């Protein structure tokens, strides 16, 4: 085996290993982010349900006849 071939093989193995390592590290990081993202989704779902309940209460208040009468009285 000539010296040039040996150098070429060493460079090829080094580059291949570096690429494999980078792909593996990226996959690990994505897995960490996806597990953390599940917690965020649960928090957002609970916040959305709370906000929906609050909107329902506000809709009831605004559409209530007593609110409309008080608004008319204040306008006079």
Protein backbone atom coordinates (compact mmCIF):
# COMPACT_ATOMS: atom_id res chain seq x y z
CA UNK A 1 0.00 0.00 0.00
CA UNK A 2 1.46 3.31 -1.03
CA UNK A 3 1.73 6.31 1.24
CA UNK A 4 -0.78 8.32 -0.78
CA UNK A 5 -3.40 5.57 -0.50
CA UNK A 6 -2.82 5.28 3.23
CA UNK A 7 -3.26 9.04 3.72
CA UNK A 8 -6.41 8.99 1.58
CA UNK A 9 -7.90 6.15 3.65
CA UNK A 10 -7.06 7.88 6.95
CA UNK A 11 -8.72 11.10 5.76
CA UNK A 12 -11.74 9.18 4.45
CA UNK A 13 -12.22 7.31 7.75
CA UNK A 14 -11.78 10.51 9.76
CA UNK A 15 -14.33 12.44 7.71
CA UNK A 16 -16.78 9.53 7.79
CA UNK A 17 -16.49 9.19 11.55
CA UNK A 18 -16.91 12.94 12.03
CA UNK A 19 -20.07 12.96 9.90
CA UNK A 20 -21.48 9.94 11.76
CA UNK A 21 -20.79 11.57 15.12
CA UNK A 22 -22.45 14.82 14.04
CA UNK A 23 -25.58 12.99 12.85
CA UNK A 24 -25.75 11.02 16.10
CA UNK A 25 -25.39 14.15 18.26
CA UNK A 26 -28.10 15.93 16.25
CA UNK A 27 -30.49 13.02 16.75
CA UNK A 28 -29.84 13.02 20.50
CA UNK A 29 -30.52 16.74 20.74
CA UNK A 30 -33.75 16.41 18.75
CA UNK A 31 -34.89 13.63 21.05
CA UNK A 32 -34.25 15.83 24.11
CA UNK A 33 -36.17 18.72 22.56
CA UNK A 34 -39.14 16.53 21.64
CA UNK A 35 -39.45 15.19 25.19
CA UNK A 36 -39.30 18.73 26.56
CA UNK A 37 -41.81 19.86 23.93
CA UNK A 38 -44.40 17.42 25.28
CA UNK A 39 -44.41 19.23 28.61
CA UNK A 40 -44.87 22.57 26.85
CA UNK A 41 -47.82 21.20 24.89
CA UNK A 42 -49.55 20.05 28.07
CA UNK A 43 -49.04 23.46 29.68
CA UNK A 44 -50.43 25.22 26.60
CA UNK A 45 -53.47 22.93 26.48
CA UNK A 46 -54.31 23.67 30.11
CA UNK A 47 -53.86 27.41 29.52
CA UNK A 48 -56.15 27.28 26.47
CA UNK A 49 -58.86 25.46 28.42
CA UNK A 50 -58.62 28.07 31.20
CA UNK A 51 -58.89 30.89 28.69
CA UNK A 52 -61.90 29.26 27.02
CA UNK A 53 -63.67 29.08 30.38
CA UNK A 54 -62.96 32.76 30.99
CA UNK A 55 -64.27 33.71 27.54
CA UNK A 56 -67.48 31.75 28.22
CA UNK A 57 -67.99 33.70 31.45
CA UNK A 58 -67.39 37.00 29.66
CA UNK A 59 -69.83 36.05 26.90
CA UNK A 60 -72.48 35.27 29.49
CA UNK A 61 -71.93 38.63 31.18
CA UNK A 62 -72.07 40.62 27.97
CA UNK A 63 -75.14 38.85 26.58
CA UNK A 64 -77.00 39.07 29.90
CA UNK A 65 -80.08 41.31 29.81
CA UNK A 66 -79.09 43.00 33.09
CA UNK A 67 -75.84 44.17 31.51
CA UNK A 68 -77.72 45.70 28.61
CA UNK A 69 -80.14 47.49 30.96
CA UNK A 70 -77.29 48.89 33.05
CA UNK A 71 -75.61 50.08 29.85
CA UNK A 72 -78.81 51.82 28.72
CA UNK A 73 -79.22 53.50 32.13
CA UNK A 74 -75.63 54.74 32.05
CA UNK A 75 -76.16 56.12 28.57
CA UNK A 76 -79.10 58.21 29.80
